[in-house]
Amino acid sequence: MVLSLVLAVTALFTHPAVAASARQSVSAARPVVTTDQGRLAGRVNGRAEEFLGVPYAAPPVADLRFRPPRQAARWTGTREATRQAPACVQFLPVGLSDPDHVSEDCLYLDVYRPRHARPGDRLPVLFWIHGGAFLLGTGTQFGGRTMADLTDSVVVSINYRLGQLGYLAAPELTRQNALGSGSYGLMDQIAALNWTRDNIASFGGNPANITLWGQSAGSASICAMLTSPHAAGMFSRAVLQSGPCSLIRAPGSAQAAEAAGDFAAAAGCPDAAARAACLRTAPSADLIAASRTRPTAGPAFGDGLLPAQPSEAIASGRWNKVPVLIGSTRAEAKFFVAGTHPYLTAQEYTDRINATYGPAAPQVLARYPVAGHPTPFDALSAVLTDSMFACHTLSTARTFASQVPTYVYEFDDPRSPTLLGAQPPGVDMTNAHSAELAYVHDFGLTDRPLTAEQTAFADDIKRRWGAFARTGSPHTTGETHWPPIRDRYTVLTLNPERTRTSTSFAADHQCDFWAGVASRLSI
């Protein structure tokens, strides 16, 4: 599945992305905070203050490549925190406004706070982990100014190592750390969370009220953090967007080690005896080239960092239990289908279903006939949205809800903008995977800005996310009540014209049918 998603993403982004967000009016005022490493001078930007390019760990370069993150060095004087750090090395060359602004020295984060925030305010903290299939992306694309100002919270957005620089379970490397793990990207995320807990009070945040918040691979990372003993007690809530734990499953340590051996050989390091040194000195371009047909699957389980498959640990009750907000977009799979089959024919649709579902294909075709959808593209998108994202969101949410307060949403704006470069001409891409990002961040990677109506809708969503971070409930005064799911699967449909609760999500996405297909095919 990972390789198919990688190919889809690669095909989609044919143009470089623009800057993450339009720059607001920047004041000359210089807010200053003191962290464990030293003083930081940020800047006022609109109605918020931002501290950019803050190191949370030592640069993972040279001998620190393929090692757990080390503590960031202290500095003397006041460090400028007005420029964002480079993105981590990208294992897919798409989606950045400046493809050359990347580096292995990338373990930095950005902090956004309301202008009035001061130490001791104990504001709720939203800790953002970006997506990108564990291969691409950067926290610098996701501005937090509006969220911080609108919800009176502190927002942290992080970088973490990607591709095989972040996830490589070669035994020659993993035996060199106490955790026996090659999930360096997950270690980075936990190190950034540790830094946040230790320092966020200086920014006015509450270290005892941190909400993990991520989308896609970022959501899958949170699934791992929910079950890692090394993240226990470090956060109070979790928001999972478009990355249900039962869908994005971690590879086992043996499988990950075998894949790492194949990758190392392709990267020019076939000799196991010399492999660790070889990989640490290999040019990053060689690692990227070897990853093209061998993309990482992200963090592996079965080691000291992540002992169990996250979805199974959660189902068994062995996890770091906190309230959960989880959801998906109305037509997630459009994003992936557009990368490989934007103009497929009716016959190609039938062939694809037959190849994918085998003996269950006739039932799938009966449930999702081409005639029932505007185009074969829409039919295939509906199949994959329902079977992969919607129904896995339902099953993951039900598992959470049997143990903790759980709130579920479905994002549905029939006029949502599309990620820049991801719009095949003439194809309806509304509500696709990542459609909601522009509504919860200061985010400029879309083909058009939000309208005034959409901006007001986006503010409503931010207030709900902020309420959840503050209290553990996303209900806001004067808005449609959002109950936790219990016996009935009640979903809040987020729509700019009428946000409403619904109990028909499972039927709308034919989840009973897909549960039967999965049972028959053992998937």
Protein backbone atom coordinates (compact mmCIF):
# COMPACT_ATOMS: atom_id res chain seq x y z
CA MET A 1 0.00 0.00 0.00
CA VAL A 2 2.80 2.44 0.87
CA LEU A 3 4.43 2.16 -2.55
CA SER A 4 1.13 2.75 -4.34
CA LEU A 5 0.52 5.88 -2.26
CA VAL A 6 4.05 7.08 -2.99
CA LEU A 7 3.53 6.68 -6.72
CA ALA A 8 0.22 8.51 -6.50
CA VAL A 9 1.76 11.42 -4.62
CA THR A 10 4.69 11.61 -7.03
CA ALA A 11 2.39 11.70 -10.03
CA LEU A 12 0.17 14.38 -8.53
CA PHE A 13 2.68 17.05 -7.65
CA THR A 14 4.01 18.20 -10.97
CA HIS A 15 4.63 21.76 -9.81
CA PRO A 16 6.60 23.06 -6.84
CA ALA A 17 4.48 24.36 -4.01
CA VAL A 18 4.29 27.95 -2.96
CA ALA A 19 5.28 29.25 0.45
CA ALA A 20 3.33 27.74 3.31
CA SER A 21 1.34 30.84 4.08
CA ALA A 22 1.15 34.46 3.06
CA ARG A 23 3.28 36.63 5.31
CA GLN A 24 1.33 38.86 7.66
CA SER A 25 2.37 42.29 8.87
CA VAL A 26 5.47 41.78 11.03
CA SER A 27 6.06 44.19 13.88
CA ALA A 28 9.46 45.38 15.00
CA ALA A 29 8.62 44.39 18.59
CA ARG A 30 10.84 41.59 19.83
CA PRO A 31 9.28 39.10 22.24
CA VAL A 32 11.95 37.22 24.20
CA VAL A 33 11.71 33.93 26.10
CA THR A 34 14.24 31.86 28.03
CA THR A 35 14.50 28.13 27.35
CA ASP A 36 16.73 25.46 28.84
CA GLN A 37 19.22 26.07 26.00
CA GLY A 38 19.22 29.88 26.18
CA ARG A 39 17.31 33.03 25.28
CA LEU A 40 15.23 33.32 22.08
CA ALA A 41 14.12 36.50 20.34
CA GLY A 42 11.02 35.94 18.22
CA ARG A 43 8.79 38.42 16.45
CA VAL A 44 5.26 39.75 16.42
CA ASN A 45 3.35 38.68 13.32
CA GLY A 46 -0.19 40.01 13.10
CA ARG A 47 -2.08 39.12 16.27
CA ALA A 48 0.37 36.43 17.33
CA GLU A 49 4.00 36.02 18.27
CA GLU A 50 6.20 33.42 16.63
CA PHE A 51 9.51 31.81 17.51
CA LEU A 52 10.91 30.06 14.45
CA GLY A 53 13.73 27.63 13.85
CA VAL A 54 14.12 26.60 17.50
CA PRO A 55 16.50 23.63 17.93
CA TYR A 56 15.05 20.80 20.02
CA ALA A 57 17.91 18.34 19.39
CA ALA A 58 21.49 18.31 18.14
CA PRO A 59 21.98 18.07 14.36
CA PRO A 60 21.75 14.35 13.43
CA VAL A 61 24.71 14.50 11.07
CA ALA A 62 28.04 12.69 10.62
CA ASP A 63 28.38 10.14 13.42
CA LEU A 64 24.92 11.12 14.79
CA ARG A 65 23.22 9.99 11.57
CA PHE A 66 21.10 6.89 12.32
CA ARG A 67 21.29 7.49 16.06
CA PRO A 68 18.69 8.61 18.62
CA PRO A 69 18.45 12.41 18.89
CA ARG A 70 20.83 14.06 21.32
CA GLN A 71 20.06 17.10 23.45
CA ALA A 72 20.46 20.47 21.73
CA ALA A 73 23.50 22.49 22.75
CA ARG A 74 23.20 25.57 24.93
CA TRP A 75 24.08 28.98 23.55
CA THR A 76 25.14 32.27 25.04
CA GLY A 77 23.45 35.58 24.39
CA THR A 78 20.12 35.78 22.56
CA ARG A 79 19.41 33.55 19.57
CA GLU A 80 17.41 34.92 16.65
CA ALA A 81 14.18 32.94 16.19
CA THR A 82 12.71 34.77 13.20
CA ARG A 83 13.61 32.42 10.34
CA GLN A 84 12.32 28.93 9.75
CA ALA A 85 14.81 26.08 9.59
CA PRO A 86 15.36 23.93 6.51
CA ALA A 87 13.08 20.99 5.88
CA CYS A 88 14.51 17.57 6.60
CA VAL A 89 15.92 15.75 3.56
CA GLN A 90 12.97 14.87 1.32
CA PHE A 91 12.63 11.37 -0.07
CA LEU A 92 10.11 12.58 -2.65
CA PRO A 93 11.14 15.77 -4.50
CA VAL A 94 7.74 17.48 -4.40
CA GLY A 95 5.73 19.93 -2.35
CA LEU A 96 8.36 22.45 -1.19
CA SER A 97 8.50 26.08 -2.29
CA ASP A 98 12.31 25.90 -2.19
CA PRO A 99 13.50 22.35 -2.96
CA ASP A 100 17.06 23.36 -2.06
CA HIS A 101 16.12 24.52 1.45
CA VAL A 102 16.62 21.06 2.94
CA SER A 103 19.24 19.64 5.24
CA GLU A 104 20.04 16.73 7.50
CA ASP A 105 20.49 19.42 10.14
CA CYS A 106 16.74 19.84 10.51
CA LEU A 107 15.59 19.02 14.05
CA TYR A 108 13.89 22.33 14.75
CA LEU A 109 10.41 23.48 15.65
CA ASP A 110 8.28 26.62 15.44
CA VAL A 111 6.23 28.02 18.33
CA TYR A 112 3.21 30.34 17.94
CA ARG A 113 1.43 32.06 20.82
CA PRO A 114 -1.14 34.85 21.31
CA ARG A 115 0.41 38.30 21.64
CA HIS A 116 -0.68 38.61 25.27
CA ALA A 117 0.82 35.25 26.34
CA ARG A 118 3.38 35.32 29.11
CA PRO A 119 5.10 32.74 31.31
CA GLY A 120 2.70 31.31 33.85
CA ASP A 121 -0.44 31.69 31.70
CA ARG A 122 -0.79 27.90 31.37
CA LEU A 123 -2.47 28.02 27.95
CA PRO A 124 -3.33 24.73 26.23
CA VAL A 125 -0.69 23.45 23.80
CA LEU A 126 -1.34 21.98 20.35
CA PHE A 127 1.64 19.88 19.18
CA TRP A 128 1.48 19.42 15.38
CA ILE A 129 3.06 16.49 13.48
CA HIS A 130 2.92 16.87 9.70
CA GLY A 131 2.11 14.09 7.24
CA GLY A 132 3.73 13.04 3.98
CA ALA A 133 3.91 9.22 3.99
CA PHE A 134 7.03 9.45 6.21
CA LEU A 135 8.84 10.58 3.05
CA LEU A 136 8.23 14.28 2.59
CA GLY A 137 6.90 17.43 4.19
CA THR A 138 7.96 19.85 6.89
CA GLY A 139 6.43 21.47 9.92
CA THR A 140 7.32 24.89 8.50
CA GLN A 141 4.44 24.59 6.00
CA PHE A 142 1.86 24.75 8.79
CA GLY A 143 1.61 28.16 10.38
CA GLY A 144 -0.10 28.38 13.77
CA ARG A 145 -0.69 32.13 14.15
CA THR A 146 -4.44 32.10 13.58
CA MET A 147 -5.02 29.01 15.70
CA ALA A 148 -3.00 30.50 18.57
CA ASP A 149 -4.80 33.86 18.44
CA LEU A 150 -8.30 32.51 17.86
CA THR A 151 -8.21 29.75 20.48
CA ASP A 152 -5.88 31.35 23.04
CA SER A 153 -3.46 28.44 22.80
CA VAL A 154 0.19 27.78 22.05
CA VAL A 155 0.95 25.90 18.82
CA VAL A 156 4.13 23.90 18.21
CA SER A 157 4.99 22.55 14.73
CA ILE A 158 7.96 20.21 14.32
CA ASN A 159 10.34 18.71 11.80
CA TYR A 160 11.45 15.08 12.11
CA ARG A 161 13.72 12.85 10.06
CA LEU A 162 12.10 11.33 6.97
CA GLY A 163 12.61 8.38 4.64
CA GLN A 164 15.31 5.92 5.60
CA LEU A 165 17.16 8.67 7.47
CA GLY A 166 14.23 8.51 9.88
CA TYR A 167 13.15 4.87 9.61
CA LEU A 168 15.77 2.23 8.93
CA ALA A 169 15.79 -0.90 11.10
CA ALA A 170 19.12 -2.32 9.94
CA PRO A 171 20.39 -4.60 12.75
CA GLU A 172 23.88 -3.14 12.29
CA LEU A 173 22.40 0.20 13.38
CA THR A 174 19.67 -0.79 15.81
CA ARG A 175 22.02 -2.79 18.02
CA GLN A 176 23.88 0.47 18.65
CA ASN A 177 21.07 2.02 20.71
CA ALA A 178 19.46 0.87 23.94
CA LEU A 179 15.99 0.70 22.40
CA GLY A 180 17.07 -1.64 19.60
CA SER A 181 15.06 0.56 17.25
CA GLY A 182 15.60 2.16 13.85
CA SER A 183 12.59 4.48 14.17
CA TYR A 184 14.66 7.64 14.50
CA GLY A 185 11.83 9.83 13.20
CA LEU A 186 9.56 8.61 16.01
CA MET A 187 12.40 9.22 18.47
CA ASP A 188 12.65 12.78 17.07
CA GLN A 189 8.92 13.34 17.63
CA ILE A 190 9.19 12.17 21.24
CA ALA A 191 12.32 14.32 21.75
CA ALA A 192 10.43 17.36 20.42
CA LEU A 193 7.54 16.54 22.75
CA ASN A 194 10.00 16.27 25.64
CA TRP A 195 11.48 19.66 24.73
CA THR A 196 7.97 21.12 24.58
CA ARG A 197 7.03 19.75 27.98
CA ASP A 198 10.27 21.13 29.50
CA ASN A 199 10.13 24.59 27.89
CA ILE A 200 6.60 25.52 26.87
CA ALA A 201 5.81 27.24 30.18
CA SER A 202 8.30 29.95 29.15
CA PHE A 203 6.02 30.69 26.16
CA GLY A 204 2.88 30.76 28.33
CA GLY A 205 1.86 27.16 27.64
CA ASN A 206 0.78 24.49 30.09
CA PRO A 207 3.17 21.51 30.07
CA ALA A 208 0.46 19.45 31.76
CA ASN A 209 -2.01 20.08 28.91
CA ILE A 210 -0.42 19.12 25.58
CA THR A 211 -2.57 17.80 22.73
CA LEU A 212 -0.91 15.66 20.08
CA TRP A 213 -2.27 16.69 16.67
CA GLY A 214 -1.41 15.17 13.31
CA GLN A 215 -2.64 14.29 9.85
CA SER A 216 -2.00 11.26 7.61
CA ALA A 217 1.49 9.98 8.51
CA GLY A 218 1.41 12.48 11.36
CA SER A 219 -1.73 10.77 12.64
CA ALA A 220 -0.04 7.38 12.26
CA SER A 221 2.86 8.77 14.28
CA ILE A 222 0.40 9.65 17.03
CA CYS A 223 -0.92 6.08 16.95
CA ALA A 224 2.65 5.03 17.70
CA MET A 225 3.09 7.64 20.44
CA LEU A 226 -0.18 6.52 22.03
CA THR A 227 1.37 3.08 22.50
CA SER A 228 5.05 3.85 23.12
CA PRO A 229 6.08 3.58 26.76
CA HIS A 230 8.58 6.38 26.09
CA ALA A 231 5.75 8.87 25.45
CA ALA A 232 3.65 7.86 28.47
CA GLY A 233 2.47 10.76 30.61
CA MET A 234 3.71 13.41 28.18
CA PHE A 235 0.37 14.48 26.65
CA SER A 236 -3.29 14.87 27.61
CA ARG A 237 -5.29 14.42 24.38
CA ALA A 238 -4.91 13.40 20.75
CA VAL A 239 -6.32 14.65 17.42
CA LEU A 240 -6.01 12.21 14.51
CA GLN A 241 -6.85 13.55 11.04
CA SER A 242 -7.08 11.14 8.09
CA GLY A 243 -4.82 8.48 9.55
CA PRO A 244 -6.77 5.81 11.48
CA CYS A 245 -4.57 3.45 13.46
CA SER A 246 -6.08 0.29 11.94
CA LEU A 247 -5.25 1.47 8.39
CA ILE A 248 -1.63 2.62 8.61
CA ARG A 249 -0.14 -0.44 10.25
CA ALA A 250 3.49 -0.61 11.34
CA PRO A 251 5.79 -3.34 9.98
CA GLY A 252 7.19 -5.86 12.43
CA SER A 253 10.86 -5.62 13.38
CA ALA A 254 11.85 -8.71 11.38
CA GLN A 255 10.10 -7.41 8.25
CA ALA A 256 11.64 -3.97 8.76
CA ALA A 257 15.12 -5.47 9.20
CA GLU A 258 14.81 -7.46 5.98
CA ALA A 259 13.65 -4.36 4.09
CA ALA A 260 16.56 -2.41 5.59
CA GLY A 261 19.05 -4.96 4.27
CA ASP A 262 17.63 -4.71 0.76
CA PHE A 263 17.70 -0.93 0.98
CA ALA A 264 21.29 -0.82 2.24
CA ALA A 265 22.48 -2.99 -0.61
CA ALA A 266 20.72 -0.74 -3.12
CA ALA A 267 22.32 2.29 -1.48
CA GLY A 268 25.80 0.85 -2.02
CA CYS A 269 26.29 -0.77 1.39
CA PRO A 270 25.94 -4.54 0.75
CA ASP A 271 28.60 -5.68 3.26
CA ALA A 272 26.92 -6.25 6.63
CA ALA A 273 30.22 -5.96 8.52
CA ALA A 274 30.84 -2.46 7.19
CA ARG A 275 27.21 -1.44 6.79
CA ALA A 276 26.84 0.98 9.72
CA ALA A 277 29.87 3.04 8.72
CA CYS A 278 28.93 2.87 5.06
CA LEU A 279 25.39 4.14 5.66
CA ARG A 280 26.63 6.97 7.87
CA THR A 281 28.93 8.25 5.14
CA ALA A 282 26.75 7.55 2.10
CA PRO A 283 25.63 10.69 0.23
CA SER A 284 22.01 11.50 0.97
CA ALA A 285 21.36 11.44 -2.80
CA ASP A 286 22.28 7.73 -2.82
CA LEU A 287 19.85 7.06 0.02
CA ILE A 288 17.09 8.93 -1.79
CA ALA A 289 17.77 7.03 -5.02
CA ALA A 290 17.65 3.66 -3.25
CA SER A 291 14.36 4.64 -1.63
CA ARG A 292 12.59 5.26 -4.93
CA THR A 293 11.45 1.66 -5.25
CA ARG A 294 11.93 0.79 -1.57
CA PRO A 295 10.08 3.51 0.37
CA THR A 296 10.07 3.27 4.12
CA ALA A 297 6.91 2.06 5.83
CA GLY A 298 7.52 4.29 8.84
CA PRO A 299 8.11 3.18 12.44
CA ALA A 300 8.43 -0.55 13.09
CA PHE A 301 7.12 -2.37 16.14
CA GLY A 302 8.68 -5.12 18.21
CA ASP A 303 11.45 -3.15 19.92
CA GLY A 304 11.95 -1.10 23.07
CA LEU A 305 10.51 2.06 21.50
CA LEU A 306 7.34 0.54 20.07
CA PRO A 307 6.76 -2.89 21.60
CA ALA A 308 3.47 -3.76 19.85
CA GLN A 309 1.46 -3.04 16.72
CA PRO A 310 -0.30 0.22 17.68
CA SER A 311 -3.80 -0.80 16.58
CA GLU A 312 -3.51 -4.08 18.49
CA ALA A 313 -2.11 -2.43 21.60
CA ILE A 314 -4.99 0.05 21.60
CA ALA A 315 -7.55 -2.72 21.15
CA SER A 316 -6.06 -4.61 24.11
CA GLY A 317 -6.11 -1.53 26.36
CA ARG A 318 -2.31 -1.33 26.59
CA TRP A 319 -1.81 2.30 25.60
CA ASN A 320 -1.43 5.82 26.94
CA LYS A 321 -5.14 6.54 27.37
CA VAL A 322 -6.33 10.08 26.63
CA PRO A 323 -9.48 11.58 25.04
CA VAL A 324 -9.42 11.35 21.25
CA LEU A 325 -10.77 13.45 18.38
CA ILE A 326 -10.60 11.55 15.08
CA GLY A 327 -11.97 11.98 11.58
CA SER A 328 -11.56 11.99 7.81
CA THR A 329 -12.58 13.92 4.71
CA ARG A 330 -15.63 13.00 2.66
CA ALA A 331 -13.67 11.77 -0.38
CA GLU A 332 -10.18 10.94 0.88
CA ALA A 333 -9.14 8.62 -1.93
CA LYS A 334 -9.61 11.15 -4.73
CA PHE A 335 -6.11 12.37 -3.85
CA PHE A 336 -4.54 8.98 -4.49
CA VAL A 337 -6.65 7.92 -7.48
CA ALA A 338 -5.87 11.24 -9.18
CA GLY A 339 -2.18 10.41 -9.02
CA THR A 340 -2.50 7.20 -11.00
CA HIS A 341 -5.93 6.97 -12.69
CA PRO A 342 -7.50 10.43 -13.09
CA TYR A 343 -9.13 9.57 -16.41
CA LEU A 344 -9.67 5.83 -16.18
CA THR A 345 -12.37 4.27 -18.34
CA ALA A 346 -15.27 2.12 -17.22
CA GLN A 347 -13.41 -0.99 -18.39
CA GLU A 348 -10.26 0.05 -16.54
CA TYR A 349 -12.36 0.55 -13.42
CA THR A 350 -13.79 -2.94 -13.72
CA ASP A 351 -10.35 -4.42 -14.34
CA ARG A 352 -8.95 -2.61 -11.30
CA ILE A 353 -11.72 -3.90 -9.04
CA ASN A 354 -11.30 -7.46 -10.34
CA ALA A 355 -7.54 -7.33 -9.76
CA THR A 356 -7.90 -5.90 -6.27
CA TYR A 357 -10.82 -7.84 -4.84
CA GLY A 358 -10.73 -11.15 -6.67
CA PRO A 359 -13.70 -13.33 -5.63
CA ALA A 360 -15.39 -10.36 -3.94
CA ALA A 361 -15.15 -8.17 -7.07
CA PRO A 362 -18.69 -8.90 -8.35
CA GLN A 363 -20.14 -7.73 -5.03
CA VAL A 364 -17.97 -4.60 -5.06
CA LEU A 365 -19.03 -3.76 -8.61
CA ALA A 366 -22.66 -4.28 -7.68
CA ARG A 367 -22.31 -1.93 -4.72
CA TYR A 368 -20.30 0.66 -6.66
CA PRO A 369 -21.50 0.58 -10.29
CA VAL A 370 -20.00 3.12 -12.65
CA ALA A 371 -23.52 4.22 -13.53
CA GLY A 372 -24.03 5.30 -9.93
CA HIS A 373 -21.19 7.83 -10.06
CA PRO A 374 -20.35 10.82 -12.27
CA THR A 375 -17.23 9.13 -13.67
CA PRO A 376 -15.20 5.92 -13.22
CA PHE A 377 -12.72 8.09 -11.31
CA ASP A 378 -15.42 8.93 -8.78
CA ALA A 379 -16.49 5.29 -8.53
CA LEU A 380 -12.96 4.09 -7.74
CA SER A 381 -12.46 6.98 -5.33
CA ALA A 382 -15.64 6.00 -3.49
CA VAL A 383 -14.50 2.37 -3.22
CA LEU A 384 -11.13 3.30 -1.79
CA THR A 385 -12.44 6.11 0.43
CA ASP A 386 -14.97 3.80 2.04
CA SER A 387 -12.86 0.65 2.31
CA MET A 388 -9.62 2.35 3.39
CA PHE A 389 -10.31 5.59 5.20
CA ALA A 390 -13.94 5.93 6.28
CA CYS A 391 -14.51 2.44 7.64
CA HIS A 392 -11.08 2.26 9.27
CA THR A 393 -11.85 5.59 10.92
CA LEU A 394 -15.07 4.05 12.20
CA SER A 395 -13.40 0.90 13.54
CA THR A 396 -10.52 2.83 15.12
CA ALA A 397 -12.95 5.29 16.73
CA ARG A 398 -15.09 2.48 18.12
CA THR A 399 -12.00 0.92 19.67
CA PHE A 400 -11.06 4.21 21.30
CA ALA A 401 -14.64 4.92 22.40
CA SER A 402 -14.86 1.69 24.38
CA GLN A 403 -12.09 3.09 26.60
CA VAL A 404 -11.96 6.91 26.47
CA PRO A 405 -14.14 9.87 25.40
CA THR A 406 -13.98 9.90 21.60
CA TYR A 407 -15.29 12.49 19.14
CA VAL A 408 -15.60 11.83 15.40
CA TYR A 409 -15.92 14.23 12.48
CA GLU A 410 -16.25 14.10 8.72
CA PHE A 411 -15.01 17.11 6.78
CA ASP A 412 -17.37 17.94 3.90
CA ASP A 413 -16.92 21.19 1.99
CA PRO A 414 -18.10 20.58 -1.59
CA ARG A 415 -16.07 23.59 -2.75
CA SER A 416 -12.82 22.95 -0.86
CA PRO A 417 -9.59 24.03 -2.58
CA THR A 418 -7.09 21.44 -3.80
CA LEU A 419 -3.45 21.03 -2.87
CA LEU A 420 -1.34 23.02 -5.31
CA GLY A 421 -0.18 20.82 -8.18
CA ALA A 422 -2.67 18.09 -7.29
CA GLN A 423 -5.51 19.17 -9.60
CA PRO A 424 -5.81 17.14 -12.82
CA PRO A 425 -7.68 19.30 -15.33
CA GLY A 426 -11.41 18.67 -15.29
CA VAL A 427 -11.38 16.35 -12.26
CA ASP A 428 -13.42 17.15 -9.15
CA MET A 429 -10.93 17.00 -6.27
CA THR A 430 -13.05 18.53 -3.51
CA ASN A 431 -12.91 16.86 -0.09
CA ALA A 432 -9.87 14.80 -1.04
CA HIS A 433 -7.16 13.75 1.39
CA SER A 434 -5.58 16.88 2.96
CA ALA A 435 -8.54 19.12 2.01
CA GLU A 436 -9.02 20.17 5.64
CA LEU A 437 -5.45 21.39 6.16
CA ALA A 438 -6.16 24.90 4.90
CA TYR A 439 -9.00 25.17 7.43
CA VAL A 440 -6.95 24.41 10.56
CA HIS A 441 -3.59 26.03 9.68
CA ASP A 442 -2.18 29.13 8.06
CA PHE A 443 -1.50 27.04 4.99
CA GLY A 444 -0.74 28.24 1.47
CA LEU A 445 -0.28 24.96 -0.40
CA THR A 446 -3.66 25.18 -2.14
CA ASP A 447 -4.72 26.12 -5.65
CA ARG A 448 -6.81 29.04 -4.38
CA PRO A 449 -7.41 30.87 -1.10
CA LEU A 450 -10.43 30.28 1.07
CA THR A 451 -13.46 32.46 0.44
CA ALA A 452 -14.87 34.67 3.20
CA GLU A 453 -17.52 32.01 3.92
CA GLN A 454 -14.88 29.29 4.05
CA THR A 455 -12.68 31.41 6.32
CA ALA A 456 -15.53 31.78 8.79
CA PHE A 457 -16.11 28.02 8.58
CA ALA A 458 -12.40 27.42 9.15
CA ASP A 459 -12.50 29.62 12.24
CA ASP A 460 -15.36 27.50 13.60
CA ILE A 461 -13.28 24.35 13.12
CA LYS A 462 -10.27 25.93 14.81
CA ARG A 463 -12.43 26.90 17.79
CA ARG A 464 -13.62 23.31 18.12
CA TRP A 465 -10.07 21.96 17.97
CA GLY A 466 -9.03 24.60 20.51
CA ALA A 467 -11.89 23.70 22.84
CA PHE A 468 -10.87 20.06 22.71
CA ALA A 469 -7.28 20.99 23.52
CA ARG A 470 -8.43 23.12 26.46
CA THR A 471 -11.07 20.87 28.04
CA GLY A 472 -11.16 17.49 26.29
CA SER A 473 -14.51 18.32 24.66
CA PRO A 474 -14.79 19.99 21.22
CA HIS A 475 -18.14 21.58 21.99
CA THR A 476 -18.25 25.38 21.65
CA THR A 477 -20.97 27.69 22.88
CA GLY A 478 -23.59 28.54 20.28
CA GLU A 479 -22.52 25.83 17.83
CA THR A 480 -24.04 22.44 16.98
CA HIS A 481 -23.51 20.11 19.93
CA TRP A 482 -20.85 17.47 19.30
CA PRO A 483 -21.45 14.42 21.48
CA PRO A 484 -18.90 11.67 22.03
CA ILE A 485 -19.70 8.40 20.32
CA ARG A 486 -21.22 5.73 22.51
CA ASP A 487 -23.61 2.99 21.42
CA ARG A 488 -24.57 4.95 18.30
CA TYR A 489 -21.84 6.10 15.94
CA THR A 490 -22.61 9.83 15.97
CA VAL A 491 -20.40 11.88 13.67
CA LEU A 492 -20.22 15.65 13.36
CA THR A 493 -20.34 16.54 9.67
CA LEU A 494 -18.32 19.72 9.22
CA ASN A 495 -19.96 21.65 6.40
CA PRO A 496 -19.78 25.39 5.71
CA GLU A 497 -23.51 25.63 5.06
CA ARG A 498 -24.75 23.37 7.86
CA THR A 499 -22.59 21.56 10.36
CA ARG A 500 -24.73 18.77 11.79
CA THR A 501 -24.61 15.49 13.66
CA SER A 502 -25.31 12.27 11.79
CA THR A 503 -25.76 8.61 12.70
CA SER A 504 -25.63 7.38 9.09
CA PHE A 505 -21.85 7.45 8.57
CA ALA A 506 -21.48 3.65 8.61
CA ALA A 507 -24.34 3.23 6.12
CA ASP A 508 -23.16 6.11 3.92
CA HIS A 509 -19.77 4.43 3.54
CA GLN A 510 -21.13 0.85 3.48
CA CYS A 511 -18.95 -0.27 6.38
CA ASP A 512 -20.89 -3.46 7.15
CA PHE A 513 -20.31 -4.54 3.57
CA TRP A 514 -16.59 -3.77 3.77
CA ALA A 515 -16.26 -5.65 7.05
CA GLY A 516 -17.67 -8.68 5.25
CA VAL A 517 -15.28 -8.26 2.32
CA ALA A 518 -12.33 -7.98 4.68
CA SER A 519 -13.45 -11.13 6.49
CA ARG A 520 -13.81 -13.12 3.27
CA LEU A 521 -10.46 -11.96 1.90
CA SER A 522 -8.66 -11.99 5.26
CA ILE A 523 -7.50 -8.39 4.86
